[in-house]
């Protein structure tokens, strides 16, 4: 009975070691993919940009790509503007 408990403990210790090694590898990959940039800059890149709806076709697009007009935002697609 003692040998069985010993091998069960060894098994779980090995599983724990593998888990800790995988966490370390994942963290190293994540840090390498971020590069040497500032943490705030990388967080800013991940933030979602507000979207607006095109008044002509109803498509949602990022506010930075939309063209403001007197009635609202437009996507700027010539075919979309002709429908109006």
C-alpha atoms as a PDB file:
ATOM      1  CA  UNK A   1       0.000   0.000   0.000  1.00  0.00           C
ATOM      2  CA  UNK A   2       2.908   2.341   0.779  1.00  0.00           C
ATOM      3  CA  UNK A   3       4.378   1.913  -2.711  1.00  0.00           C
ATOM      4  CA  UNK A   4       1.063   2.852  -4.319  1.00  0.00           C
ATOM      5  CA  UNK A   5       0.801   6.071  -2.331  1.00  0.00           C
ATOM      6  CA  UNK A   6       4.438   6.860  -3.166  1.00  0.00           C
ATOM      7  CA  UNK A   7       3.837   6.504  -6.923  1.00  0.00           C
ATOM      8  CA  UNK A   8       0.647   8.574  -6.737  1.00  0.00           C
ATOM      9  CA  UNK A   9       2.564  11.378  -5.005  1.00  0.00           C
ATOM     10  CA  UNK A  10       5.370  11.153  -7.589  1.00  0.00           C
ATOM     11  CA  UNK A  11       2.809  11.315 -10.392  1.00  0.00           C
ATOM     12  CA  UNK A  12       1.211  14.497  -9.025  1.00  0.00           C
ATOM     13  CA  UNK A  13       4.608  16.116  -8.405  1.00  0.00           C
ATOM     14  CA  UNK A  14       5.548  15.454 -12.033  1.00  0.00           C
ATOM     15  CA  UNK A  15       2.212  16.914 -13.203  1.00  0.00           C
ATOM     16  CA  UNK A  16       2.826  20.010 -11.086  1.00  0.00           C
ATOM     17  CA  UNK A  17       6.329  20.424 -12.522  1.00  0.00           C
ATOM     18  CA  UNK A  18       5.013  20.136 -16.091  1.00  0.00           C
ATOM     19  CA  UNK A  19       2.285  22.673 -15.339  1.00  0.00           C
ATOM     20  CA  UNK A  20       4.782  25.177 -13.906  1.00  0.00           C
ATOM     21  CA  UNK A  21       7.083  24.708 -16.910  1.00  0.00           C
ATOM     22  CA  UNK A  22       4.183  25.359 -19.322  1.00  0.00           C
ATOM     23  CA  UNK A  23       3.235  28.523 -17.446  1.00  0.00           C
ATOM     24  CA  UNK A  24       6.824  29.776 -17.681  1.00  0.00           C
ATOM     25  CA  UNK A  25       6.991  29.066 -21.421  1.00  0.00           C
ATOM     26  CA  UNK A  26       3.658  30.791 -22.050  1.00  0.00           C
ATOM     27  CA  UNK A  27       4.740  33.857 -20.089  1.00  0.00           C
ATOM     28  CA  UNK A  28       8.043  34.021 -21.992  1.00  0.00           C
ATOM     29  CA  UNK A  29       6.220  33.828 -25.342  1.00  0.00           C
ATOM     30  CA  UNK A  30       3.770  36.527 -24.312  1.00  0.00           C
ATOM     31  CA  UNK A  31       6.579  38.818 -23.179  1.00  0.00           C
ATOM     32  CA  UNK A  32       8.517  38.191 -26.393  1.00  0.00           C
ATOM     33  CA  UNK A  33       5.499  38.931 -28.574  1.00  0.00           C
ATOM     34  CA  UNK A  34       4.947  42.260 -26.815  1.00  0.00           C
ATOM     35  CA  UNK A  35       8.469  43.330 -27.614  1.00  0.00           C
ATOM     36  CA  UNK A  36      10.253  46.044 -25.706  1.00  0.00           C
ATOM     37  CA  UNK A  37       7.311  48.471 -25.924  1.00  0.00           C
ATOM     38  CA  UNK A  38       5.732  50.240 -23.012  1.00  0.00           C
ATOM     39  CA  UNK A  39       2.978  48.344 -21.185  1.00  0.00           C
ATOM     40  CA  UNK A  40       0.609  51.291 -21.524  1.00  0.00           C
ATOM     41  CA  UNK A  41       1.194  51.438 -25.287  1.00  0.00           C
ATOM     42  CA  UNK A  42       0.413  47.737 -25.703  1.00  0.00           C
ATOM     43  CA  UNK A  43      -2.714  48.110 -23.569  1.00  0.00           C
ATOM     44  CA  UNK A  44      -3.814  51.058 -25.720  1.00  0.00           C
ATOM     45  CA  UNK A  45      -3.491  48.925 -28.869  1.00  0.00           C
ATOM     46  CA  UNK A  46      -5.808  46.321 -27.370  1.00  0.00           C
ATOM     47  CA  UNK A  47      -8.553  48.772 -26.453  1.00  0.00           C
ATOM     48  CA  UNK A  48     -11.570  48.799 -28.727  1.00  0.00           C
ATOM     49  CA  UNK A  49     -12.268  51.858 -30.816  1.00  0.00           C
ATOM     50  CA  UNK A  50     -15.781  53.301 -30.795  1.00  0.00           C
ATOM     51  CA  UNK A  51     -17.861  52.491 -33.855  1.00  0.00           C
ATOM     52  CA  UNK A  52     -20.412  54.597 -35.669  1.00  0.00           C
ATOM     53  CA  UNK A  53     -23.178  53.669 -38.072  1.00  0.00           C
ATOM     54  CA  UNK A  54     -23.165  54.879 -41.670  1.00  0.00           C
ATOM     55  CA  UNK A  55     -26.280  56.963 -42.377  1.00  0.00           C
ATOM     56  CA  UNK A  56     -26.438  55.680 -45.960  1.00  0.00           C
ATOM     57  CA  UNK A  57     -26.049  51.916 -45.693  1.00  0.00           C
ATOM     58  CA  UNK A  58     -26.210  51.187 -41.945  1.00  0.00           C
ATOM     59  CA  UNK A  59     -22.780  49.570 -41.783  1.00  0.00           C
ATOM     60  CA  UNK A  60     -20.855  49.961 -38.536  1.00  0.00           C
ATOM     61  CA  UNK A  61     -17.264  51.110 -38.909  1.00  0.00           C
ATOM     62  CA  UNK A  62     -14.531  52.543 -36.660  1.00  0.00           C
ATOM     63  CA  UNK A  63     -15.007  56.220 -35.943  1.00  0.00           C
ATOM     64  CA  UNK A  64     -11.512  57.016 -37.246  1.00  0.00           C
ATOM     65  CA  UNK A  65     -12.437  55.618 -40.690  1.00  0.00           C
ATOM     66  CA  UNK A  66     -15.856  57.297 -40.891  1.00  0.00           C
ATOM     67  CA  UNK A  67     -16.404  60.564 -42.711  1.00  0.00           C
ATOM     68  CA  UNK A  68     -18.460  63.046 -40.678  1.00  0.00           C
ATOM     69  CA  UNK A  69     -21.286  64.823 -42.465  1.00  0.00           C
ATOM     70  CA  UNK A  70     -24.153  67.146 -41.589  1.00  0.00           C
ATOM     71  CA  UNK A  71     -26.576  64.256 -40.911  1.00  0.00           C
ATOM     72  CA  UNK A  72     -24.094  61.895 -39.277  1.00  0.00           C
ATOM     73  CA  UNK A  73     -21.213  59.651 -40.263  1.00  0.00           C
ATOM     74  CA  UNK A  74     -20.760  58.043 -43.674  1.00  0.00           C
ATOM     75  CA  UNK A  75     -18.568  55.147 -44.758  1.00  0.00           C
ATOM     76  CA  UNK A  76     -17.407  57.043 -47.827  1.00  0.00           C
ATOM     77  CA  UNK A  77     -18.210  54.264 -50.283  1.00  0.00           C
ATOM     78  CA  UNK A  78     -19.317  55.853 -53.600  1.00  0.00           C
ATOM     79  CA  UNK A  79     -21.933  53.140 -54.205  1.00  0.00           C
ATOM     80  CA  UNK A  80     -23.313  53.760 -50.740  1.00  0.00           C
ATOM     81  CA  UNK A  81     -23.638  57.513 -51.309  1.00  0.00           C
ATOM     82  CA  UNK A  82     -25.456  56.954 -54.658  1.00  0.00           C
ATOM     83  CA  UNK A  83     -28.240  55.030 -52.909  1.00  0.00           C
ATOM     84  CA  UNK A  84     -29.257  58.124 -51.075  1.00  0.00           C
END
